[in-house]
Amino acid sequence: SCAGCHGADGSKQTGESVPLKGQTADALVKKLQGYASGSYGGKQKKIM
């Protein structure tokens, strides 16, 4: 369900974010937890 925006291999850049590919699991978890709590993200954070 993420691949449509982030690409099949996570290399697609979306808006002002960096590609997911190449990031560590810990860094991604912190970001997703931040999105879930509303404490992380840029202009389009509402989507995430």
All heavy atoms as atom14 arrays in JSON, in Angstrom:
{
  "sequence": "SCAGCHGADGSKQTGESVPLKGQTADALVKKLQGYASGSYGGKQKKIM",
  "atom14_mask": [
    [1, 1, 1, 1, 1, 1, 0, 0, 0, 0, 0, 0, 0, 0],
    [1, 1, 1, 1, 1, 1, 0, 0, 0, 0, 0, 0, 0, 0],
    [1, 1, 1, 1, 1, 0, 0, 0, 0, 0, 0, 0, 0, 0],
    [1, 1, 1, 1, 0, 0, 0, 0, 0, 0, 0, 0, 0, 0],
    [1, 1, 1, 1, 1, 1, 0, 0, 0, 0, 0, 0, 0, 0],
    [1, 1, 1, 1, 1, 1, 1, 1, 1, 1, 0, 0, 0, 0],
    [1, 1, 1, 1, 0, 0, 0, 0, 0, 0, 0, 0, 0, 0],
    [1, 1, 1, 1, 1, 0, 0, 0, 0, 0, 0, 0, 0, 0],
    [1, 1, 1, 1, 1, 1, 1, 1, 0, 0, 0, 0, 0, 0],
    [1, 1, 1, 1, 0, 0, 0, 0, 0, 0, 0, 0, 0, 0],
    [1, 1, 1, 1, 1, 1, 0, 0, 0, 0, 0, 0, 0, 0],
    [1, 1, 1, 1, 1, 1, 1, 1, 1, 0, 0, 0, 0, 0],
    [1, 1, 1, 1, 1, 1, 1, 1, 1, 0, 0, 0, 0, 0],
    [1, 1, 1, 1, 1, 1, 1, 0, 0, 0, 0, 0, 0, 0],
    [1, 1, 1, 1, 0, 0, 0, 0, 0, 0, 0, 0, 0, 0],
    [1, 1, 1, 1, 1, 1, 1, 1, 1, 0, 0, 0, 0, 0],
    [1, 1, 1, 1, 1, 1, 0, 0, 0, 0, 0, 0, 0, 0],
    [1, 1, 1, 1, 1, 1, 1, 0, 0, 0, 0, 0, 0, 0],
    [1, 1, 1, 1, 1, 1, 1, 0, 0, 0, 0, 0, 0, 0],
    [1, 1, 1, 1, 1, 1, 1, 1, 0, 0, 0, 0, 0, 0],
    [1, 1, 1, 1, 1, 1, 1, 1, 1, 0, 0, 0, 0, 0],
    [1, 1, 1, 1, 0, 0, 0, 0, 0, 0, 0, 0, 0, 0],
    [1, 1, 1, 1, 1, 1, 1, 1, 1, 0, 0, 0, 0, 0],
    [1, 1, 1, 1, 1, 1, 1, 0, 0, 0, 0, 0, 0, 0],
    [1, 1, 1, 1, 1, 0, 0, 0, 0, 0, 0, 0, 0, 0],
    [1, 1, 1, 1, 1, 1, 1, 1, 0, 0, 0, 0, 0, 0],
    [1, 1, 1, 1, 1, 0, 0, 0, 0, 0, 0, 0, 0, 0],
    [1, 1, 1, 1, 1, 1, 1, 1, 0, 0, 0, 0, 0, 0],
    [1, 1, 1, 1, 1, 1, 1, 0, 0, 0, 0, 0, 0, 0],
    [1, 1, 1, 1, 1, 1, 1, 1, 1, 0, 0, 0, 0, 0],
    [1, 1, 1, 1, 1, 1, 1, 1, 1, 0, 0, 0, 0, 0],
    [1, 1, 1, 1, 1, 1, 1, 1, 0, 0, 0, 0, 0, 0],
    [1, 1, 1, 1, 1, 1, 1, 1, 1, 0, 0, 0, 0, 0],
    [1, 1, 1, 1, 0, 0, 0, 0, 0, 0, 0, 0, 0, 0],
    [1, 1, 1, 1, 1, 1, 1, 1, 1, 1, 1, 1, 0, 0],
    [1, 1, 1, 1, 1, 0, 0, 0, 0, 0, 0, 0, 0, 0],
    [1, 1, 1, 1, 1, 1, 0, 0, 0, 0, 0, 0, 0, 0],
    [1, 1, 1, 1, 0, 0, 0, 0, 0, 0, 0, 0, 0, 0],
    [1, 1, 1, 1, 1, 1, 0, 0, 0, 0, 0, 0, 0, 0],
    [1, 1, 1, 1, 1, 1, 1, 1, 1, 1, 1, 1, 0, 0],
    [1, 1, 1, 1, 0, 0, 0, 0, 0, 0, 0, 0, 0, 0],
    [1, 1, 1, 1, 0, 0, 0, 0, 0, 0, 0, 0, 0, 0],
    [1, 1, 1, 1, 1, 1, 1, 1, 1, 0, 0, 0, 0, 0],
    [1, 1, 1, 1, 1, 1, 1, 1, 1, 0, 0, 0, 0, 0],
    [1, 1, 1, 1, 1, 1, 1, 1, 1, 0, 0, 0, 0, 0],
    [1, 1, 1, 1, 1, 1, 1, 1, 1, 0, 0, 0, 0, 0],
    [1, 1, 1, 1, 1, 1, 1, 1, 0, 0, 0, 0, 0, 0],
    [1, 1, 1, 1, 1, 1, 1, 1, 0, 0, 0, 0, 0, 0]
  ],
  "atom14_positions": [
    [[0.82, -1.22, 0.0], [0.0, 0.0, 0.0], [0.85, 1.27, 0.0], [0.34, 2.35, -0.26], [-0.95, 0.0, 1.2], [-0.23, 0.07, 2.41], [0.0, 0.0, 0.0], [0.0, 0.0, 0.0], [0.0, 0.0, 0.0], [0.0, 0.0, 0.0], [0.0, 0.0, 0.0], [0.0, 0.0, 0.0], [0.0, 0.0, 0.0], [0.0, 0.0, 0.0]],
    [[2.14, 1.15, 0.25], [3.06, 2.3, 0.27], [3.72, 2.52, -1.09], [4.16, 3.63, -1.4], [4.17, 2.07, 1.29], [3.62, 1.6, 2.94], [0.0, 0.0, 0.0], [0.0, 0.0, 0.0], [0.0, 0.0, 0.0], [0.0, 0.0, 0.0], [0.0, 0.0, 0.0], [0.0, 0.0, 0.0], [0.0, 0.0, 0.0], [0.0, 0.0, 0.0]],
    [[3.82, 1.45, -1.87], [4.58, 1.46, -3.12], [4.05, 2.45, -4.14], [4.82, 2.97, -4.95], [4.62, 0.06, -3.72], [0.0, 0.0, 0.0], [0.0, 0.0, 0.0], [0.0, 0.0, 0.0], [0.0, 0.0, 0.0], [0.0, 0.0, 0.0], [0.0, 0.0, 0.0], [0.0, 0.0, 0.0], [0.0, 0.0, 0.0], [0.0, 0.0, 0.0]],
    [[2.77, 2.75, -4.11], [2.21, 3.7, -5.06], [2.87, 5.07, -4.97], [3.12, 5.71, -5.99], [0.0, 0.0, 0.0], [0.0, 0.0, 0.0], [0.0, 0.0, 0.0], [0.0, 0.0, 0.0], [0.0, 0.0, 0.0], [0.0, 0.0, 0.0], [0.0, 0.0, 0.0], [0.0, 0.0, 0.0], [0.0, 0.0, 0.0], [0.0, 0.0, 0.0]],
    [[3.18, 5.5, -3.78], [3.84, 6.8, -3.58], [5.36, 6.69, -3.47], [6.08, 7.56, -3.95], [3.31, 7.47, -2.31], [1.58, 7.96, -2.4], [0.0, 0.0, 0.0], [0.0, 0.0, 0.0], [0.0, 0.0, 0.0], [0.0, 0.0, 0.0], [0.0, 0.0, 0.0], [0.0, 0.0, 0.0], [0.0, 0.0, 0.0], [0.0, 0.0, 0.0]],
    [[5.82, 5.64, -2.81], [7.25, 5.52, -2.51], [8.03, 4.65, -3.49], [9.25, 4.55, -3.38], [7.45, 5.0, -1.08], [6.98, 5.97, -0.05], [7.68, 7.11, 0.3], [5.85, 5.99, 0.71], [7.02, 7.78, 1.23], [5.9, 7.13, 1.49], [0.0, 0.0, 0.0], [0.0, 0.0, 0.0], [0.0, 0.0, 0.0], [0.0, 0.0, 0.0]],
    [[7.34, 4.03, -4.43], [8.0, 3.17, -5.42], [8.13, 1.74, -4.93], [8.18, 1.5, -3.72], [0.0, 0.0, 0.0], [0.0, 0.0, 0.0], [0.0, 0.0, 0.0], [0.0, 0.0, 0.0], [0.0, 0.0, 0.0], [0.0, 0.0, 0.0], [0.0, 0.0, 0.0], [0.0, 0.0, 0.0], [0.0, 0.0, 0.0], [0.0, 0.0, 0.0]],
    [[8.18, 0.82, -5.86], [8.25, -0.6, -5.52], [9.48, -0.93, -4.68], [9.45, -1.82, -3.83], [8.24, -1.45, -6.79], [0.0, 0.0, 0.0], [0.0, 0.0, 0.0], [0.0, 0.0, 0.0], [0.0, 0.0, 0.0], [0.0, 0.0, 0.0], [0.0, 0.0, 0.0], [0.0, 0.0, 0.0], [0.0, 0.0, 0.0], [0.0, 0.0, 0.0]],
    [[10.56, -0.2, -4.9], [11.79, -0.46, -4.14], [12.13, 0.65, -3.15], [13.22, 0.7, -2.61], [12.97, -0.69, -5.08], [13.37, 0.55, -5.85], [12.64, 1.57, -5.82], [14.43, 0.51, -6.51], [0.0, 0.0, 0.0], [0.0, 0.0, 0.0], [0.0, 0.0, 0.0], [0.0, 0.0, 0.0], [0.0, 0.0, 0.0], [0.0, 0.0, 0.0]],
    [[11.19, 1.56, -2.91], [11.4, 2.62, -1.92], [12.29, 3.75, -2.38], [12.65, 4.62, -1.6], [0.0, 0.0, 0.0], [0.0, 0.0, 0.0], [0.0, 0.0, 0.0], [0.0, 0.0, 0.0], [0.0, 0.0, 0.0], [0.0, 0.0, 0.0], [0.0, 0.0, 0.0], [0.0, 0.0, 0.0], [0.0, 0.0, 0.0], [0.0, 0.0, 0.0]],
    [[12.63, 3.79, -3.67], [13.59, 4.8, -4.14], [12.93, 6.08, -4.66], [13.64, 7.04, -4.96], [14.48, 4.2, -5.24], [13.68, 3.85, -6.36], [0.0, 0.0, 0.0], [0.0, 0.0, 0.0], [0.0, 0.0, 0.0], [0.0, 0.0, 0.0], [0.0, 0.0, 0.0], [0.0, 0.0, 0.0], [0.0, 0.0, 0.0], [0.0, 0.0, 0.0]],
    [[11.63, 6.11, -4.73], [10.93, 7.28, -5.26], [10.86, 8.39, -4.2], [10.49, 8.15, -3.05], [9.52, 6.88, -5.68], [8.75, 7.97, -6.38], [7.41, 7.42, -6.86], [6.57, 8.51, -7.47], [5.22, 8.0, -7.8], [0.0, 0.0, 0.0], [0.0, 0.0, 0.0], [0.0, 0.0, 0.0], [0.0, 0.0, 0.0], [0.0, 0.0, 0.0]],
    [[11.25, 9.59, -4.59], [11.18, 10.72, -3.68], [9.79, 11.33, -3.77], [9.27, 11.56, -4.86], [12.23, 11.78, -4.03], [12.26, 12.92, -3.04], [13.46, 13.82, -3.22], [14.37, 13.5, -3.97], [13.48, 14.92, -2.52], [0.0, 0.0, 0.0], [0.0, 0.0, 0.0], [0.0, 0.0, 0.0], [0.0, 0.0, 0.0], [0.0, 0.0, 0.0]],
    [[9.2, 11.58, -2.63], [7.86, 12.16, -2.59], [7.92, 13.54, -1.93], [8.37, 13.66, -0.8], [6.88, 11.28, -1.81], [7.38, 11.09, -0.49], [6.7, 9.93, -2.47], [0.0, 0.0, 0.0], [0.0, 0.0, 0.0], [0.0, 0.0, 0.0], [0.0, 0.0, 0.0], [0.0, 0.0, 0.0], [0.0, 0.0, 0.0], [0.0, 0.0, 0.0]],
    [[7.5, 14.55, -2.66], [7.49, 15.9, -2.1], [8.83, 16.32, -1.57], [9.85, 16.23, -2.25], [0.0, 0.0, 0.0], [0.0, 0.0, 0.0], [0.0, 0.0, 0.0], [0.0, 0.0, 0.0], [0.0, 0.0, 0.0], [0.0, 0.0, 0.0], [0.0, 0.0, 0.0], [0.0, 0.0, 0.0], [0.0, 0.0, 0.0], [0.0, 0.0, 0.0]],
    [[8.85, 16.71, -0.31], [10.09, 17.19, 0.31], [10.85, 16.11, 1.07], [11.89, 16.37, 1.65], [9.76, 18.35, 1.27], [8.78, 17.97, 2.35], [8.2, 19.16, 3.1], [7.86, 20.15, 2.46], [8.1, 19.07, 4.32], [0.0, 0.0, 0.0], [0.0, 0.0, 0.0], [0.0, 0.0, 0.0], [0.0, 0.0, 0.0], [0.0, 0.0, 0.0]],
    [[10.34, 14.89, 1.06], [10.98, 13.81, 1.81], [12.1, 13.15, 1.01], [12.19, 13.3, -0.2], [9.95, 12.75, 2.19], [9.52, 12.06, 1.04], [0.0, 0.0, 0.0], [0.0, 0.0, 0.0], [0.0, 0.0, 0.0], [0.0, 0.0, 0.0], [0.0, 0.0, 0.0], [0.0, 0.0, 0.0], [0.0, 0.0, 0.0], [0.0, 0.0, 0.0]],
    [[12.93, 12.41, 1.73], [13.99, 11.64, 1.08], [13.43, 10.25, 0.78], [12.49, 9.79, 1.43], [15.25, 11.54, 1.97], [15.85, 12.91, 2.21], [14.96, 10.86, 3.28], [0.0, 0.0, 0.0], [0.0, 0.0, 0.0], [0.0, 0.0, 0.0], [0.0, 0.0, 0.0], [0.0, 0.0, 0.0], [0.0, 0.0, 0.0], [0.0, 0.0, 0.0]],
    [[14.01, 9.54, -0.18], [13.54, 8.18, -0.47], [13.67, 7.28, 0.76], [14.54, 7.47, 1.61], [14.47, 7.71, -1.58], [14.95, 8.96, -2.23], [15.06, 9.96, -1.12], [0.0, 0.0, 0.0], [0.0, 0.0, 0.0], [0.0, 0.0, 0.0], [0.0, 0.0, 0.0], [0.0, 0.0, 0.0], [0.0, 0.0, 0.0], [0.0, 0.0, 0.0]],
    [[12.8, 6.3, 0.85], [12.85, 5.36, 1.97], [14.03, 4.41, 1.85], [14.62, 4.02, 2.85], [11.55, 4.54, 2.02], [10.25, 5.32, 2.19], [9.06, 4.38, 2.14], [10.27, 6.13, 3.47], [0.0, 0.0, 0.0], [0.0, 0.0, 0.0], [0.0, 0.0, 0.0], [0.0, 0.0, 0.0], [0.0, 0.0, 0.0], [0.0, 0.0, 0.0]],
    [[14.35, 4.04, 0.61], [15.44, 3.09, 0.36], [16.74, 3.61, 0.96], [17.09, 4.78, 0.8], [15.61, 2.86, -1.13], [16.58, 1.77, -1.47], [16.59, 1.45, -2.94], [17.45, 0.25, -3.21], [17.2, -0.29, -4.53], [0.0, 0.0, 0.0], [0.0, 0.0, 0.0], [0.0, 0.0, 0.0], [0.0, 0.0, 0.0], [0.0, 0.0, 0.0]],
    [[17.44, 2.74, 1.67], [18.72, 3.11, 2.27], [18.62, 3.57, 3.71], [19.64, 3.75, 4.37], [0.0, 0.0, 0.0], [0.0, 0.0, 0.0], [0.0, 0.0, 0.0], [0.0, 0.0, 0.0], [0.0, 0.0, 0.0], [0.0, 0.0, 0.0], [0.0, 0.0, 0.0], [0.0, 0.0, 0.0], [0.0, 0.0, 0.0], [0.0, 0.0, 0.0]],
    [[17.41, 3.76, 4.22], [17.24, 4.17, 5.61], [17.2, 2.92, 6.51], [16.77, 1.86, 6.09], [15.97, 4.99, 5.79], [16.01, 6.32, 5.05], [14.83, 7.2, 5.42], [14.56, 7.41, 6.6], [14.15, 7.71, 4.41], [0.0, 0.0, 0.0], [0.0, 0.0, 0.0], [0.0, 0.0, 0.0], [0.0, 0.0, 0.0], [0.0, 0.0, 0.0]],
    [[17.63, 3.08, 7.74], [17.61, 1.97, 8.68], [16.19, 1.74, 9.2], [15.36, 2.65, 9.2], [18.53, 2.21, 9.89], [18.0, 3.31, 10.65], [19.96, 2.5, 9.46], [0.0, 0.0, 0.0], [0.0, 0.0, 0.0], [0.0, 0.0, 0.0], [0.0, 0.0, 0.0], [0.0, 0.0, 0.0], [0.0, 0.0, 0.0], [0.0, 0.0, 0.0]],
    [[15.95, 0.54, 9.68], [14.64, 0.22, 10.25], [14.35, 1.12, 11.45], [13.23, 1.62, 11.59], [14.58, -1.25, 10.65], [0.0, 0.0, 0.0], [0.0, 0.0, 0.0], [0.0, 0.0, 0.0], [0.0, 0.0, 0.0], [0.0, 0.0, 0.0], [0.0, 0.0, 0.0], [0.0, 0.0, 0.0], [0.0, 0.0, 0.0], [0.0, 0.0, 0.0]],
    [[15.36, 1.37, 12.29], [15.16, 2.21, 13.47], [14.76, 3.63, 13.09], [13.86, 4.22, 13.7], [16.42, 2.25, 14.33], [16.68, 0.94, 15.06], [15.73, 0.15, 15.23], [17.83, 0.72, 15.48], [0.0, 0.0, 0.0], [0.0, 0.0, 0.0], [0.0, 0.0, 0.0], [0.0, 0.0, 0.0], [0.0, 0.0, 0.0], [0.0, 0.0, 0.0]],
    [[15.42, 4.19, 12.09], [15.09, 5.55, 11.65], [13.67, 5.61, 11.09], [12.92, 6.55, 11.38], [16.09, 6.01, 10.59], [0.0, 0.0, 0.0], [0.0, 0.0, 0.0], [0.0, 0.0, 0.0], [0.0, 0.0, 0.0], [0.0, 0.0, 0.0], [0.0, 0.0, 0.0], [0.0, 0.0, 0.0], [0.0, 0.0, 0.0], [0.0, 0.0, 0.0]],
    [[13.31, 4.6, 10.33], [11.96, 4.57, 9.75], [10.9, 4.39, 10.82], [9.83, 5.03, 10.76], [11.87, 3.45, 8.71], [12.7, 3.68, 7.44], [12.8, 2.38, 6.64], [12.1, 4.78, 6.59], [0.0, 0.0, 0.0], [0.0, 0.0, 0.0], [0.0, 0.0, 0.0], [0.0, 0.0, 0.0], [0.0, 0.0, 0.0], [0.0, 0.0, 0.0]],
    [[11.17, 3.56, 11.82], [10.22, 3.37, 12.91], [10.0, 4.69, 13.64], [8.85, 5.07, 13.92], [10.71, 2.28, 13.9], [9.91, 2.32, 15.2], [10.61, 0.9, 13.27], [0.0, 0.0, 0.0], [0.0, 0.0, 0.0], [0.0, 0.0, 0.0], [0.0, 0.0, 0.0], [0.0, 0.0, 0.0], [0.0, 0.0, 0.0], [0.0, 0.0, 0.0]],
    [[11.07, 5.41, 13.95], [10.93, 6.7, 14.64], [10.09, 7.67, 13.83], [9.25, 8.39, 14.37], [12.31, 7.3, 14.93], [13.05, 6.58, 16.03], [14.43, 7.18, 16.26], [15.19, 6.35, 17.27], [16.57, 6.79, 17.45], [0.0, 0.0, 0.0], [0.0, 0.0, 0.0], [0.0, 0.0, 0.0], [0.0, 0.0, 0.0], [0.0, 0.0, 0.0]],
    [[10.3, 7.68, 12.52], [9.53, 8.59, 11.67], [8.06, 8.2, 11.62], [7.18, 9.05, 11.78], [10.13, 8.62, 10.26], [11.48, 9.32, 10.22], [12.13, 9.22, 8.86], [13.51, 9.86, 8.89], [14.18, 9.78, 7.58], [0.0, 0.0, 0.0], [0.0, 0.0, 0.0], [0.0, 0.0, 0.0], [0.0, 0.0, 0.0], [0.0, 0.0, 0.0]],
    [[7.79, 6.91, 11.44], [6.39, 6.47, 11.39], [5.69, 6.67, 12.73], [4.52, 7.05, 12.77], [6.28, 5.02, 10.94], [6.31, 4.81, 9.43], [6.23, 3.32, 9.1], [5.16, 5.53, 8.75], [0.0, 0.0, 0.0], [0.0, 0.0, 0.0], [0.0, 0.0, 0.0], [0.0, 0.0, 0.0], [0.0, 0.0, 0.0], [0.0, 0.0, 0.0]],
    [[6.4, 6.44, 13.82], [5.82, 6.7, 15.14], [5.53, 8.19, 15.31], [4.52, 8.57, 15.89], [6.74, 6.2, 16.24], [6.8, 4.71, 16.36], [7.84, 4.22, 17.35], [8.8, 4.92, 17.67], [7.67, 2.99, 17.82], [0.0, 0.0, 0.0], [0.0, 0.0, 0.0], [0.0, 0.0, 0.0], [0.0, 0.0, 0.0], [0.0, 0.0, 0.0]],
    [[6.43, 9.02, 14.77], [6.23, 10.46, 14.82], [5.02, 10.89, 14.0], [4.23, 11.75, 14.42], [0.0, 0.0, 0.0], [0.0, 0.0, 0.0], [0.0, 0.0, 0.0], [0.0, 0.0, 0.0], [0.0, 0.0, 0.0], [0.0, 0.0, 0.0], [0.0, 0.0, 0.0], [0.0, 0.0, 0.0], [0.0, 0.0, 0.0], [0.0, 0.0, 0.0]],
    [[4.87, 10.3, 12.82], [3.68, 10.58, 12.02], [2.42, 10.16, 12.78], [1.43, 10.9, 12.83], [3.73, 9.85, 10.69], [4.56, 10.52, 9.62], [5.6, 9.85, 9.02], [4.27, 11.82, 9.19], [6.36, 10.45, 8.02], [5.02, 12.43, 8.2], [6.06, 11.74, 7.61], [6.8, 12.34, 6.62], [0.0, 0.0, 0.0], [0.0, 0.0, 0.0]],
    [[2.45, 8.97, 13.36], [1.28, 8.45, 14.07], [0.88, 9.34, 15.23], [-0.31, 9.53, 15.5], [1.55, 7.03, 14.56], [0.0, 0.0, 0.0], [0.0, 0.0, 0.0], [0.0, 0.0, 0.0], [0.0, 0.0, 0.0], [0.0, 0.0, 0.0], [0.0, 0.0, 0.0], [0.0, 0.0, 0.0], [0.0, 0.0, 0.0], [0.0, 0.0, 0.0]],
    [[1.87, 9.93, 15.91], [1.56, 10.8, 17.05], [1.36, 12.26, 16.65], [0.97, 13.08, 17.46], [2.7, 10.72, 18.08], [3.88, 11.35, 17.57], [0.0, 0.0, 0.0], [0.0, 0.0, 0.0], [0.0, 0.0, 0.0], [0.0, 0.0, 0.0], [0.0, 0.0, 0.0], [0.0, 0.0, 0.0], [0.0, 0.0, 0.0], [0.0, 0.0, 0.0]],
    [[1.68, 12.58, 15.4], [1.53, 13.95, 14.92], [2.71, 14.85, 15.23], [2.65, 16.06, 15.04], [0.0, 0.0, 0.0], [0.0, 0.0, 0.0], [0.0, 0.0, 0.0], [0.0, 0.0, 0.0], [0.0, 0.0, 0.0], [0.0, 0.0, 0.0], [0.0, 0.0, 0.0], [0.0, 0.0, 0.0], [0.0, 0.0, 0.0], [0.0, 0.0, 0.0]],
    [[3.81, 14.25, 15.68], [4.98, 15.05, 16.08], [6.07, 15.12, 15.01], [7.12, 15.71, 15.24], [5.59, 14.48, 17.36], [6.08, 13.16, 17.14], [0.0, 0.0, 0.0], [0.0, 0.0, 0.0], [0.0, 0.0, 0.0], [0.0, 0.0, 0.0], [0.0, 0.0, 0.0], [0.0, 0.0, 0.0], [0.0, 0.0, 0.0], [0.0, 0.0, 0.0]],
    [[5.83, 14.54, 13.84], [6.84, 14.51, 12.8], [6.19, 14.79, 11.46], [5.05, 14.42, 11.21], [7.52, 13.13, 12.75], [8.59, 13.0, 11.68], [9.87, 13.47, 11.9], [8.28, 12.44, 10.45], [10.84, 13.36, 10.92], [9.25, 12.34, 9.46], [10.53, 12.8, 9.7], [11.48, 12.71, 8.72], [0.0, 0.0, 0.0], [0.0, 0.0, 0.0]],
    [[6.94, 15.45, 10.59], [6.48, 15.62, 9.22], [6.49, 17.06, 8.75], [6.55, 17.99, 9.54], [0.0, 0.0, 0.0], [0.0, 0.0, 0.0], [0.0, 0.0, 0.0], [0.0, 0.0, 0.0], [0.0, 0.0, 0.0], [0.0, 0.0, 0.0], [0.0, 0.0, 0.0], [0.0, 0.0, 0.0], [0.0, 0.0, 0.0], [0.0, 0.0, 0.0]],
    [[6.4, 17.2, 7.43], [6.43, 18.51, 6.8], [5.03, 18.95, 6.38], [4.03, 18.63, 7.02], [0.0, 0.0, 0.0], [0.0, 0.0, 0.0], [0.0, 0.0, 0.0], [0.0, 0.0, 0.0], [0.0, 0.0, 0.0], [0.0, 0.0, 0.0], [0.0, 0.0, 0.0], [0.0, 0.0, 0.0], [0.0, 0.0, 0.0], [0.0, 0.0, 0.0]],
    [[4.98, 19.63, 5.25], [3.74, 20.24, 4.77], [2.63, 19.23, 4.52], [1.46, 19.52, 4.73], [4.0, 21.01, 3.48], [4.9, 22.21, 3.65], [5.17, 22.86, 2.3], [6.19, 23.96, 2.43], [6.54, 24.54, 1.12], [0.0, 0.0, 0.0], [0.0, 0.0, 0.0], [0.0, 0.0, 0.0], [0.0, 0.0, 0.0], [0.0, 0.0, 0.0]],
    [[2.97, 18.05, 4.04], [1.96, 17.06, 3.71], [1.88, 15.94, 4.74], [1.49, 14.82, 4.43], [2.23, 16.49, 2.32], [2.1, 17.53, 1.24], [2.22, 16.93, -0.14], [2.41, 15.74, -0.3], [2.09, 17.77, -1.14], [0.0, 0.0, 0.0], [0.0, 0.0, 0.0], [0.0, 0.0, 0.0], [0.0, 0.0, 0.0], [0.0, 0.0, 0.0]],
    [[2.2, 16.25, 5.98], [2.25, 15.21, 7.0], [0.89, 14.6, 7.3], [0.8, 13.48, 7.78], [2.9, 15.72, 8.27], [2.09, 16.66, 9.11], [2.87, 17.07, 10.35], [2.01, 17.8, 11.33], [2.73, 18.05, 12.57], [0.0, 0.0, 0.0], [0.0, 0.0, 0.0], [0.0, 0.0, 0.0], [0.0, 0.0, 0.0], [0.0, 0.0, 0.0]],
    [[-0.19, 15.28, 7.01], [-1.52, 14.75, 7.3], [-1.76, 13.42, 6.58], [-2.42, 12.54, 7.11], [-2.61, 15.75, 6.92], [-2.67, 16.96, 7.82], [-3.13, 16.55, 9.2], [-3.2, 17.75, 10.11], [-3.34, 17.37, 11.5], [0.0, 0.0, 0.0], [0.0, 0.0, 0.0], [0.0, 0.0, 0.0], [0.0, 0.0, 0.0], [0.0, 0.0, 0.0]],
    [[-1.24, 13.3, 5.38], [-1.4, 12.05, 4.62], [-0.76, 10.89, 5.39], [-1.38, 9.86, 5.62], [-0.78, 12.18, 3.21], [-1.54, 13.24, 2.41], [-0.76, 10.84, 2.48], [-0.84, 13.67, 1.14], [0.0, 0.0, 0.0], [0.0, 0.0, 0.0], [0.0, 0.0, 0.0], [0.0, 0.0, 0.0], [0.0, 0.0, 0.0], [0.0, 0.0, 0.0]],
    [[0.49, 11.1, 5.8], [1.2, 10.04, 6.51], [0.66, 9.86, 7.93], [0.67, 8.75, 8.46], [2.71, 10.33, 6.54], [3.4, 10.04, 5.23], [3.19, 8.32, 4.65], [3.91, 7.4, 6.0], [0.0, 0.0, 0.0], [0.0, 0.0, 0.0], [0.0, 0.0, 0.0], [0.0, 0.0, 0.0], [0.0, 0.0, 0.0], [0.0, 0.0, 0.0]]
  ]
}
